[in-house]
All heavy atoms as atom14 arrays in JSON, in Angstrom:
{
  "sequence": "EMASGGAAASGTDVCVAITGLAGPEGGTDRKPVGLVYMACCIQGNVA",
  "atom14_mask": [
    [1, 1, 1, 1, 1, 1, 1, 1, 1, 0, 0, 0, 0, 0],
    [1, 1, 1, 1, 1, 1, 1, 1, 0, 0, 0, 0, 0, 0],
    [1, 1, 1, 1, 1, 0, 0, 0, 0, 0, 0, 0, 0, 0],
    [1, 1, 1, 1, 1, 1, 0, 0, 0, 0, 0, 0, 0, 0],
    [1, 1, 1, 1, 0, 0, 0, 0, 0, 0, 0, 0, 0, 0],
    [1, 1, 1, 1, 0, 0, 0, 0, 0, 0, 0, 0, 0, 0],
    [1, 1, 1, 1, 1, 0, 0, 0, 0, 0, 0, 0, 0, 0],
    [1, 1, 1, 1, 1, 0, 0, 0, 0, 0, 0, 0, 0, 0],
    [1, 1, 1, 1, 1, 0, 0, 0, 0, 0, 0, 0, 0, 0],
    [1, 1, 1, 1, 1, 1, 0, 0, 0, 0, 0, 0, 0, 0],
    [1, 1, 1, 1, 0, 0, 0, 0, 0, 0, 0, 0, 0, 0],
    [1, 1, 1, 1, 1, 1, 1, 0, 0, 0, 0, 0, 0, 0],
    [1, 1, 1, 1, 1, 1, 1, 1, 0, 0, 0, 0, 0, 0],
    [1, 1, 1, 1, 1, 1, 1, 0, 0, 0, 0, 0, 0, 0],
    [1, 1, 1, 1, 1, 1, 0, 0, 0, 0, 0, 0, 0, 0],
    [1, 1, 1, 1, 1, 1, 1, 0, 0, 0, 0, 0, 0, 0],
    [1, 1, 1, 1, 1, 0, 0, 0, 0, 0, 0, 0, 0, 0],
    [1, 1, 1, 1, 1, 1, 1, 1, 0, 0, 0, 0, 0, 0],
    [1, 1, 1, 1, 1, 1, 1, 0, 0, 0, 0, 0, 0, 0],
    [1, 1, 1, 1, 0, 0, 0, 0, 0, 0, 0, 0, 0, 0],
    [1, 1, 1, 1, 1, 1, 1, 1, 0, 0, 0, 0, 0, 0],
    [1, 1, 1, 1, 1, 0, 0, 0, 0, 0, 0, 0, 0, 0],
    [1, 1, 1, 1, 0, 0, 0, 0, 0, 0, 0, 0, 0, 0],
    [1, 1, 1, 1, 1, 1, 1, 0, 0, 0, 0, 0, 0, 0],
    [1, 1, 1, 1, 1, 1, 1, 1, 1, 0, 0, 0, 0, 0],
    [1, 1, 1, 1, 0, 0, 0, 0, 0, 0, 0, 0, 0, 0],
    [1, 1, 1, 1, 0, 0, 0, 0, 0, 0, 0, 0, 0, 0],
    [1, 1, 1, 1, 1, 1, 1, 0, 0, 0, 0, 0, 0, 0],
    [1, 1, 1, 1, 1, 1, 1, 1, 0, 0, 0, 0, 0, 0],
    [1, 1, 1, 1, 1, 1, 1, 1, 1, 1, 1, 0, 0, 0],
    [1, 1, 1, 1, 1, 1, 1, 1, 1, 0, 0, 0, 0, 0],
    [1, 1, 1, 1, 1, 1, 1, 0, 0, 0, 0, 0, 0, 0],
    [1, 1, 1, 1, 1, 1, 1, 0, 0, 0, 0, 0, 0, 0],
    [1, 1, 1, 1, 0, 0, 0, 0, 0, 0, 0, 0, 0, 0],
    [1, 1, 1, 1, 1, 1, 1, 1, 0, 0, 0, 0, 0, 0],
    [1, 1, 1, 1, 1, 1, 1, 0, 0, 0, 0, 0, 0, 0],
    [1, 1, 1, 1, 1, 1, 1, 1, 1, 1, 1, 1, 0, 0],
    [1, 1, 1, 1, 1, 1, 1, 1, 0, 0, 0, 0, 0, 0],
    [1, 1, 1, 1, 1, 0, 0, 0, 0, 0, 0, 0, 0, 0],
    [1, 1, 1, 1, 1, 1, 0, 0, 0, 0, 0, 0, 0, 0],
    [1, 1, 1, 1, 1, 1, 0, 0, 0, 0, 0, 0, 0, 0],
    [1, 1, 1, 1, 1, 1, 1, 1, 0, 0, 0, 0, 0, 0],
    [1, 1, 1, 1, 1, 1, 1, 1, 1, 0, 0, 0, 0, 0],
    [1, 1, 1, 1, 0, 0, 0, 0, 0, 0, 0, 0, 0, 0],
    [1, 1, 1, 1, 1, 1, 1, 1, 0, 0, 0, 0, 0, 0],
    [1, 1, 1, 1, 1, 1, 1, 0, 0, 0, 0, 0, 0, 0],
    [1, 1, 1, 1, 1, 0, 0, 0, 0, 0, 0, 0, 0, 0]
  ],
  "atom14_positions": [
    [[0.8, -1.17, 0.02], [-0.04, -0.03, 0.01], [0.85, 1.25, -0.01], [0.52, 2.27, -0.55], [-0.96, -0.02, 1.17], [-1.99, -1.11, 1.09], [-3.06, -1.03, 2.23], [-3.19, 0.04, 2.84], [-3.77, -2.01, 2.43], [0.0, 0.0, 0.0], [0.0, 0.0, 0.0], [0.0, 0.0, 0.0], [0.0, 0.0, 0.0], [0.0, 0.0, 0.0]],
    [[2.03, 1.25, 0.57], [2.92, 2.4, 0.55], [3.37, 2.64, -0.87], [3.42, 3.78, -1.32], [4.13, 2.08, 1.41], [3.91, 2.15, 2.95], [5.43, 1.63, 3.9], [6.56, 3.02, 3.52], [0.0, 0.0, 0.0], [0.0, 0.0, 0.0], [0.0, 0.0, 0.0], [0.0, 0.0, 0.0], [0.0, 0.0, 0.0], [0.0, 0.0, 0.0]],
    [[3.74, 1.53, -1.6], [4.21, 1.74, -2.98], [3.11, 2.19, -3.89], [3.33, 3.16, -4.68], [4.77, 0.37, -3.49], [0.0, 0.0, 0.0], [0.0, 0.0, 0.0], [0.0, 0.0, 0.0], [0.0, 0.0, 0.0], [0.0, 0.0, 0.0], [0.0, 0.0, 0.0], [0.0, 0.0, 0.0], [0.0, 0.0, 0.0], [0.0, 0.0, 0.0]],
    [[1.96, 1.59, -3.89], [0.79, 2.01, -4.74], [0.34, 3.41, -4.35], [0.05, 4.24, -5.22], [-0.31, 1.01, -4.77], [-0.73, 0.79, -3.36], [0.0, 0.0, 0.0], [0.0, 0.0, 0.0], [0.0, 0.0, 0.0], [0.0, 0.0, 0.0], [0.0, 0.0, 0.0], [0.0, 0.0, 0.0], [0.0, 0.0, 0.0], [0.0, 0.0, 0.0]],
    [[0.27, 3.64, -3.04], [-0.18, 4.98, -2.63], [0.81, 6.09, -2.94], [0.46, 7.2, -3.31], [0.0, 0.0, 0.0], [0.0, 0.0, 0.0], [0.0, 0.0, 0.0], [0.0, 0.0, 0.0], [0.0, 0.0, 0.0], [0.0, 0.0, 0.0], [0.0, 0.0, 0.0], [0.0, 0.0, 0.0], [0.0, 0.0, 0.0], [0.0, 0.0, 0.0]],
    [[2.1, 5.75, -2.85], [3.14, 6.74, -3.19], [3.14, 7.08, -4.67], [3.29, 8.22, -5.01], [0.0, 0.0, 0.0], [0.0, 0.0, 0.0], [0.0, 0.0, 0.0], [0.0, 0.0, 0.0], [0.0, 0.0, 0.0], [0.0, 0.0, 0.0], [0.0, 0.0, 0.0], [0.0, 0.0, 0.0], [0.0, 0.0, 0.0], [0.0, 0.0, 0.0]],
    [[2.91, 6.04, -5.49], [2.82, 6.3, -6.92], [1.59, 7.23, -7.19], [1.69, 8.17, -8.04], [2.7, 5.04, -7.69], [0.0, 0.0, 0.0], [0.0, 0.0, 0.0], [0.0, 0.0, 0.0], [0.0, 0.0, 0.0], [0.0, 0.0, 0.0], [0.0, 0.0, 0.0], [0.0, 0.0, 0.0], [0.0, 0.0, 0.0], [0.0, 0.0, 0.0]],
    [[0.48, 6.96, -6.59], [-0.73, 7.72, -6.8], [-0.54, 9.18, -6.28], [-0.99, 10.14, -6.9], [-1.99, 7.04, -6.13], [0.0, 0.0, 0.0], [0.0, 0.0, 0.0], [0.0, 0.0, 0.0], [0.0, 0.0, 0.0], [0.0, 0.0, 0.0], [0.0, 0.0, 0.0], [0.0, 0.0, 0.0], [0.0, 0.0, 0.0], [0.0, 0.0, 0.0]],
    [[0.03, 9.3, -5.11], [0.19, 10.67, -4.45], [1.16, 11.52, -5.3], [0.95, 12.76, -5.37], [0.73, 10.47, -3.07], [0.0, 0.0, 0.0], [0.0, 0.0, 0.0], [0.0, 0.0, 0.0], [0.0, 0.0, 0.0], [0.0, 0.0, 0.0], [0.0, 0.0, 0.0], [0.0, 0.0, 0.0], [0.0, 0.0, 0.0], [0.0, 0.0, 0.0]],
    [[2.15, 10.93, -5.85], [3.18, 11.74, -6.62], [2.94, 11.75, -8.12], [3.6, 12.51, -8.84], [4.59, 11.15, -6.34], [4.62, 9.82, -6.63], [0.0, 0.0, 0.0], [0.0, 0.0, 0.0], [0.0, 0.0, 0.0], [0.0, 0.0, 0.0], [0.0, 0.0, 0.0], [0.0, 0.0, 0.0], [0.0, 0.0, 0.0], [0.0, 0.0, 0.0]],
    [[2.02, 10.89, -8.59], [1.78, 10.82, -10.04], [2.84, 10.34, -10.84], [3.07, 10.73, -11.92], [0.0, 0.0, 0.0], [0.0, 0.0, 0.0], [0.0, 0.0, 0.0], [0.0, 0.0, 0.0], [0.0, 0.0, 0.0], [0.0, 0.0, 0.0], [0.0, 0.0, 0.0], [0.0, 0.0, 0.0], [0.0, 0.0, 0.0], [0.0, 0.0, 0.0]],
    [[3.59, 9.35, -10.28], [4.76, 8.79, -11.03], [4.45, 7.41, -11.52], [3.55, 6.7, -11.05], [5.99, 8.69, -10.08], [5.64, 7.89, -8.92], [6.54, 10.03, -9.67], [0.0, 0.0, 0.0], [0.0, 0.0, 0.0], [0.0, 0.0, 0.0], [0.0, 0.0, 0.0], [0.0, 0.0, 0.0], [0.0, 0.0, 0.0], [0.0, 0.0, 0.0]],
    [[5.23, 6.95, -12.52], [5.12, 5.64, -13.09], [5.56, 4.59, -12.12], [5.03, 3.45, -12.1], [5.9, 5.54, -14.35], [5.5, 6.55, -15.47], [4.29, 6.53, -15.86], [6.32, 7.27, -15.87], [0.0, 0.0, 0.0], [0.0, 0.0, 0.0], [0.0, 0.0, 0.0], [0.0, 0.0, 0.0], [0.0, 0.0, 0.0], [0.0, 0.0, 0.0]],
    [[6.59, 4.89, -11.36], [7.18, 3.94, -10.44], [7.23, 4.52, -9.03], [7.46, 5.71, -8.83], [8.59, 3.58, -10.91], [9.25, 2.52, -10.02], [8.65, 3.12, -12.37], [0.0, 0.0, 0.0], [0.0, 0.0, 0.0], [0.0, 0.0, 0.0], [0.0, 0.0, 0.0], [0.0, 0.0, 0.0], [0.0, 0.0, 0.0], [0.0, 0.0, 0.0]],
    [[7.01, 3.7, -8.01], [7.32, 4.09, -6.66], [7.87, 2.94, -5.9], [7.35, 1.78, -6.0], [6.03, 4.61, -5.88], [6.36, 5.1, -4.23], [0.0, 0.0, 0.0], [0.0, 0.0, 0.0], [0.0, 0.0, 0.0], [0.0, 0.0, 0.0], [0.0, 0.0, 0.0], [0.0, 0.0, 0.0], [0.0, 0.0, 0.0], [0.0, 0.0, 0.0]],
    [[8.96, 3.16, -5.27], [9.55, 2.02, -4.44], [9.37, 2.46, -2.95], [9.55, 3.53, -2.55], [11.04, 1.86, -4.73], [11.93, 3.07, -4.45], [11.63, 0.61, -4.01], [0.0, 0.0, 0.0], [0.0, 0.0, 0.0], [0.0, 0.0, 0.0], [0.0, 0.0, 0.0], [0.0, 0.0, 0.0], [0.0, 0.0, 0.0], [0.0, 0.0, 0.0]],
    [[8.95, 1.44, -2.17], [8.66, 1.66, -0.72], [9.43, 0.68, 0.11], [9.65, -0.44, -0.26], [7.09, 1.49, -0.5], [0.0, 0.0, 0.0], [0.0, 0.0, 0.0], [0.0, 0.0, 0.0], [0.0, 0.0, 0.0], [0.0, 0.0, 0.0], [0.0, 0.0, 0.0], [0.0, 0.0, 0.0], [0.0, 0.0, 0.0], [0.0, 0.0, 0.0]],
    [[9.77, 1.12, 1.34], [10.55, 0.36, 2.24], [9.97, 0.52, 3.66], [9.79, 1.59, 4.07], [12.05, 0.67, 2.26], [12.65, 0.65, 0.88], [12.82, -0.26, 3.25], [14.08, 1.14, 0.92], [0.0, 0.0, 0.0], [0.0, 0.0, 0.0], [0.0, 0.0, 0.0], [0.0, 0.0, 0.0], [0.0, 0.0, 0.0], [0.0, 0.0, 0.0]],
    [[9.73, -0.6, 4.35], [9.37, -0.53, 5.78], [10.08, -1.75, 6.47], [10.07, -2.89, 5.96], [7.89, -0.64, 5.95], [7.53, -0.55, 7.3], [7.23, -1.87, 5.3], [0.0, 0.0, 0.0], [0.0, 0.0, 0.0], [0.0, 0.0, 0.0], [0.0, 0.0, 0.0], [0.0, 0.0, 0.0], [0.0, 0.0, 0.0], [0.0, 0.0, 0.0]],
    [[10.68, -1.48, 7.59], [11.37, -2.54, 8.21], [11.81, -2.16, 9.69], [11.54, -1.13, 10.19], [0.0, 0.0, 0.0], [0.0, 0.0, 0.0], [0.0, 0.0, 0.0], [0.0, 0.0, 0.0], [0.0, 0.0, 0.0], [0.0, 0.0, 0.0], [0.0, 0.0, 0.0], [0.0, 0.0, 0.0], [0.0, 0.0, 0.0], [0.0, 0.0, 0.0]],
    [[12.47, -3.18, 10.24], [13.0, -2.95, 11.64], [14.55, -2.9, 11.59], [15.22, -3.96, 11.44], [12.58, -4.17, 12.49], [11.02, -4.24, 12.87], [10.69, -5.64, 13.33], [10.71, -3.18, 13.89], [0.0, 0.0, 0.0], [0.0, 0.0, 0.0], [0.0, 0.0, 0.0], [0.0, 0.0, 0.0], [0.0, 0.0, 0.0], [0.0, 0.0, 0.0]],
    [[15.08, -1.71, 11.69], [16.54, -1.58, 11.6], [17.23, -1.76, 12.93], [18.46, -1.89, 13.01], [16.86, -0.16, 11.07], [0.0, 0.0, 0.0], [0.0, 0.0, 0.0], [0.0, 0.0, 0.0], [0.0, 0.0, 0.0], [0.0, 0.0, 0.0], [0.0, 0.0, 0.0], [0.0, 0.0, 0.0], [0.0, 0.0, 0.0], [0.0, 0.0, 0.0]],
    [[16.45, -1.75, 14.07], [16.98, -2.0, 15.37], [17.77, -0.83, 15.97], [17.78, 0.23, 15.46], [0.0, 0.0, 0.0], [0.0, 0.0, 0.0], [0.0, 0.0, 0.0], [0.0, 0.0, 0.0], [0.0, 0.0, 0.0], [0.0, 0.0, 0.0], [0.0, 0.0, 0.0], [0.0, 0.0, 0.0], [0.0, 0.0, 0.0], [0.0, 0.0, 0.0]],
    [[18.48, -1.08, 17.0], [18.66, -2.36, 17.69], [17.44, -2.82, 18.56], [17.35, -3.99, 18.89], [19.89, -2.2, 18.64], [19.92, -0.73, 18.88], [19.33, -0.03, 17.64], [0.0, 0.0, 0.0], [0.0, 0.0, 0.0], [0.0, 0.0, 0.0], [0.0, 0.0, 0.0], [0.0, 0.0, 0.0], [0.0, 0.0, 0.0], [0.0, 0.0, 0.0]],
    [[16.54, -1.89, 18.87], [15.35, -2.22, 19.63], [14.17, -2.5, 18.69], [14.19, -2.19, 17.48], [14.9, -1.11, 20.63], [16.01, -0.76, 21.63], [16.94, 0.27, 21.2], [16.63, 0.95, 20.22], [18.02, 0.4, 21.83], [0.0, 0.0, 0.0], [0.0, 0.0, 0.0], [0.0, 0.0, 0.0], [0.0, 0.0, 0.0], [0.0, 0.0, 0.0]],
    [[13.11, -3.0, 19.23], [11.82, -3.18, 18.51], [11.57, -4.54, 17.88], [10.46, -4.76, 17.41], [0.0, 0.0, 0.0], [0.0, 0.0, 0.0], [0.0, 0.0, 0.0], [0.0, 0.0, 0.0], [0.0, 0.0, 0.0], [0.0, 0.0, 0.0], [0.0, 0.0, 0.0], [0.0, 0.0, 0.0], [0.0, 0.0, 0.0], [0.0, 0.0, 0.0]],
    [[12.49, -5.37, 17.89], [12.33, -6.71, 17.33], [11.51, -7.67, 18.22], [11.6, -7.56, 19.46], [0.0, 0.0, 0.0], [0.0, 0.0, 0.0], [0.0, 0.0, 0.0], [0.0, 0.0, 0.0], [0.0, 0.0, 0.0], [0.0, 0.0, 0.0], [0.0, 0.0, 0.0], [0.0, 0.0, 0.0], [0.0, 0.0, 0.0], [0.0, 0.0, 0.0]],
    [[10.86, -8.6, 17.65], [10.18, -9.72, 18.33], [10.57, -11.05, 17.72], [11.21, -11.08, 16.72], [8.64, -9.51, 18.4], [8.27, -9.67, 17.01], [8.26, -8.11, 18.87], [0.0, 0.0, 0.0], [0.0, 0.0, 0.0], [0.0, 0.0, 0.0], [0.0, 0.0, 0.0], [0.0, 0.0, 0.0], [0.0, 0.0, 0.0], [0.0, 0.0, 0.0]],
    [[10.06, -12.13, 18.36], [10.39, -13.39, 17.7], [9.71, -13.55, 16.39], [10.27, -14.18, 15.49], [9.83, -14.54, 18.73], [10.6, -14.65, 19.98], [11.78, -14.19, 20.02], [10.09, -15.17, 20.97], [0.0, 0.0, 0.0], [0.0, 0.0, 0.0], [0.0, 0.0, 0.0], [0.0, 0.0, 0.0], [0.0, 0.0, 0.0], [0.0, 0.0, 0.0]],
    [[8.54, -12.96, 16.21], [7.82, -13.03, 14.98], [8.39, -12.07, 13.97], [8.39, -12.39, 12.71], [6.29, -12.77, 15.23], [5.45, -13.15, 14.0], [3.96, -13.17, 14.39], [3.48, -11.88, 14.77], [2.98, -11.01, 13.87], [2.95, -11.24, 12.6], [2.53, -9.78, 14.3], [0.0, 0.0, 0.0], [0.0, 0.0, 0.0], [0.0, 0.0, 0.0]],
    [[8.76, -10.95, 14.37], [9.34, -9.87, 13.56], [10.61, -9.38, 14.11], [10.73, -8.41, 14.89], [8.33, -8.7, 13.4], [7.13, -9.04, 12.61], [6.25, -7.85, 12.44], [4.96, -8.15, 11.58], [4.13, -7.02, 11.25], [0.0, 0.0, 0.0], [0.0, 0.0, 0.0], [0.0, 0.0, 0.0], [0.0, 0.0, 0.0], [0.0, 0.0, 0.0]],
    [[11.79, -10.12, 13.79], [13.02, -9.75, 14.36], [13.68, -8.49, 13.73], [13.29, -8.13, 12.65], [13.89, -10.98, 14.11], [13.31, -11.52, 12.84], [11.82, -11.29, 12.96], [0.0, 0.0, 0.0], [0.0, 0.0, 0.0], [0.0, 0.0, 0.0], [0.0, 0.0, 0.0], [0.0, 0.0, 0.0], [0.0, 0.0, 0.0], [0.0, 0.0, 0.0]],
    [[14.61, -7.94, 14.41], [15.44, -6.88, 13.89], [16.09, -7.39, 12.59], [16.63, -8.47, 12.5], [16.51, -6.38, 14.89], [17.52, -5.41, 14.17], [15.86, -5.66, 16.1], [0.0, 0.0, 0.0], [0.0, 0.0, 0.0], [0.0, 0.0, 0.0], [0.0, 0.0, 0.0], [0.0, 0.0, 0.0], [0.0, 0.0, 0.0], [0.0, 0.0, 0.0]],
    [[16.03, -6.56, 11.58], [16.64, -6.95, 10.26], [15.51, -7.4, 9.23], [15.76, -7.47, 8.06], [0.0, 0.0, 0.0], [0.0, 0.0, 0.0], [0.0, 0.0, 0.0], [0.0, 0.0, 0.0], [0.0, 0.0, 0.0], [0.0, 0.0, 0.0], [0.0, 0.0, 0.0], [0.0, 0.0, 0.0], [0.0, 0.0, 0.0], [0.0, 0.0, 0.0]],
    [[14.27, -7.53, 9.7], [13.22, -7.84, 8.85], [12.79, -6.57, 8.03], [12.47, -5.56, 8.64], [11.96, -8.37, 9.59], [10.69, -8.57, 8.82], [10.84, -9.69, 7.7], [9.52, -8.94, 9.7], [0.0, 0.0, 0.0], [0.0, 0.0, 0.0], [0.0, 0.0, 0.0], [0.0, 0.0, 0.0], [0.0, 0.0, 0.0], [0.0, 0.0, 0.0]],
    [[12.82, -6.64, 6.76], [12.48, -5.54, 5.9], [11.63, -5.99, 4.74], [11.93, -6.99, 4.02], [13.77, -4.82, 5.33], [13.41, -3.66, 4.4], [14.65, -4.31, 6.46], [0.0, 0.0, 0.0], [0.0, 0.0, 0.0], [0.0, 0.0, 0.0], [0.0, 0.0, 0.0], [0.0, 0.0, 0.0], [0.0, 0.0, 0.0], [0.0, 0.0, 0.0]],
    [[10.57, -5.27, 4.49], [9.71, -5.49, 3.36], [9.92, -4.26, 2.43], [9.97, -3.08, 2.85], [8.25, -5.6, 3.74], [7.89, -6.83, 4.49], [7.85, -6.85, 5.9], [7.58, -7.96, 3.78], [7.48, -7.96, 6.53], [7.28, -9.15, 4.5], [7.26, -9.16, 5.86], [6.94, -10.28, 6.52], [0.0, 0.0, 0.0], [0.0, 0.0, 0.0]],
    [[10.0, -4.59, 1.09], [10.06, -3.46, 0.11], [9.19, -3.83, -1.04], [8.98, -5.0, -1.37], [11.52, -3.14, -0.36], [12.3, -4.32, -0.81], [14.04, -3.96, -1.03], [14.56, -3.76, 0.7], [0.0, 0.0, 0.0], [0.0, 0.0, 0.0], [0.0, 0.0, 0.0], [0.0, 0.0, 0.0], [0.0, 0.0, 0.0], [0.0, 0.0, 0.0]],
    [[8.55, -2.84, -1.6], [7.66, -3.03, -2.77], [7.95, -2.0, -3.8], [8.35, -0.87, -3.56], [6.2, -2.91, -2.2], [0.0, 0.0, 0.0], [0.0, 0.0, 0.0], [0.0, 0.0, 0.0], [0.0, 0.0, 0.0], [0.0, 0.0, 0.0], [0.0, 0.0, 0.0], [0.0, 0.0, 0.0], [0.0, 0.0, 0.0], [0.0, 0.0, 0.0]],
    [[7.72, -2.48, -5.02], [7.85, -1.58, -6.2], [6.61, -1.61, -6.98], [6.22, -2.67, -7.46], [9.09, -1.98, -7.05], [9.34, -0.9, -8.51], [0.0, 0.0, 0.0], [0.0, 0.0, 0.0], [0.0, 0.0, 0.0], [0.0, 0.0, 0.0], [0.0, 0.0, 0.0], [0.0, 0.0, 0.0], [0.0, 0.0, 0.0], [0.0, 0.0, 0.0]],
    [[6.0, -0.42, -7.16], [4.76, -0.33, -7.94], [5.2, 0.3, -9.25], [5.79, 1.37, -9.31], [3.77, 0.48, -7.2], [2.29, 0.83, -8.18], [0.0, 0.0, 0.0], [0.0, 0.0, 0.0], [0.0, 0.0, 0.0], [0.0, 0.0, 0.0], [0.0, 0.0, 0.0], [0.0, 0.0, 0.0], [0.0, 0.0, 0.0], [0.0, 0.0, 0.0]],
    [[4.95, -0.42, -10.41], [5.23, 0.15, -11.66], [3.97, 0.07, -12.51], [3.54, -1.02, -12.97], [6.45, -0.57, -12.26], [6.7, 0.02, -13.75], [6.3, -2.04, -12.31], [8.09, -0.46, -14.22], [0.0, 0.0, 0.0], [0.0, 0.0, 0.0], [0.0, 0.0, 0.0], [0.0, 0.0, 0.0], [0.0, 0.0, 0.0], [0.0, 0.0, 0.0]],
    [[3.37, 1.22, -12.76], [2.18, 1.38, -13.58], [1.08, 0.43, -13.13], [0.47, -0.26, -13.95], [2.49, 1.23, -15.12], [3.4, 2.44, -15.61], [3.71, 2.34, -17.05], [3.5, 1.28, -17.68], [4.16, 3.48, -17.67], [0.0, 0.0, 0.0], [0.0, 0.0, 0.0], [0.0, 0.0, 0.0], [0.0, 0.0, 0.0], [0.0, 0.0, 0.0]],
    [[0.91, 0.36, -11.8], [-0.17, -0.4, -11.2], [0.15, -1.75, -10.79], [-0.58, -2.36, -10.0], [0.0, 0.0, 0.0], [0.0, 0.0, 0.0], [0.0, 0.0, 0.0], [0.0, 0.0, 0.0], [0.0, 0.0, 0.0], [0.0, 0.0, 0.0], [0.0, 0.0, 0.0], [0.0, 0.0, 0.0], [0.0, 0.0, 0.0], [0.0, 0.0, 0.0]],
    [[1.24, -2.32, -11.24], [1.72, -3.64, -10.83], [2.69, -3.55, -9.71], [3.67, -2.81, -9.75], [2.36, -4.32, -12.05], [1.41, -4.6, -13.23], [0.26, -5.06, -13.04], [1.82, -4.2, -14.39], [0.0, 0.0, 0.0], [0.0, 0.0, 0.0], [0.0, 0.0, 0.0], [0.0, 0.0, 0.0], [0.0, 0.0, 0.0], [0.0, 0.0, 0.0]],
    [[2.48, -4.32, -8.62], [3.23, -4.23, -7.46], [3.99, -5.54, -7.21], [3.36, -6.66, -7.17], [2.38, -3.91, -6.2], [3.27, -3.73, -4.98], [1.53, -2.62, -6.47], [0.0, 0.0, 0.0], [0.0, 0.0, 0.0], [0.0, 0.0, 0.0], [0.0, 0.0, 0.0], [0.0, 0.0, 0.0], [0.0, 0.0, 0.0], [0.0, 0.0, 0.0]],
    [[5.27, -5.44, -6.99], [6.1, -6.59, -6.57], [6.62, -6.38, -5.17], [7.04, -5.19, -4.84], [7.32, -6.73, -7.52], [0.0, 0.0, 0.0], [0.0, 0.0, 0.0], [0.0, 0.0, 0.0], [0.0, 0.0, 0.0], [0.0, 0.0, 0.0], [0.0, 0.0, 0.0], [0.0, 0.0, 0.0], [0.0, 0.0, 0.0], [0.0, 0.0, 0.0]]
  ]
}
C-alpha cells in the first residue's frame, strides 16, 4: 500500500517503498530486527 499509494500521491510511473526494523530495539520473535519489506509499484503492478 505504501508503494501504490506513493505512486498515486506523486503521479509517478514507479514508486519504491521500504518498511522494516533496523534495530537495535523493536524486534520480536515473529518480527526480528533486520526484517525488511520493500515493494515496487510500476504502472499499477506491485512486486
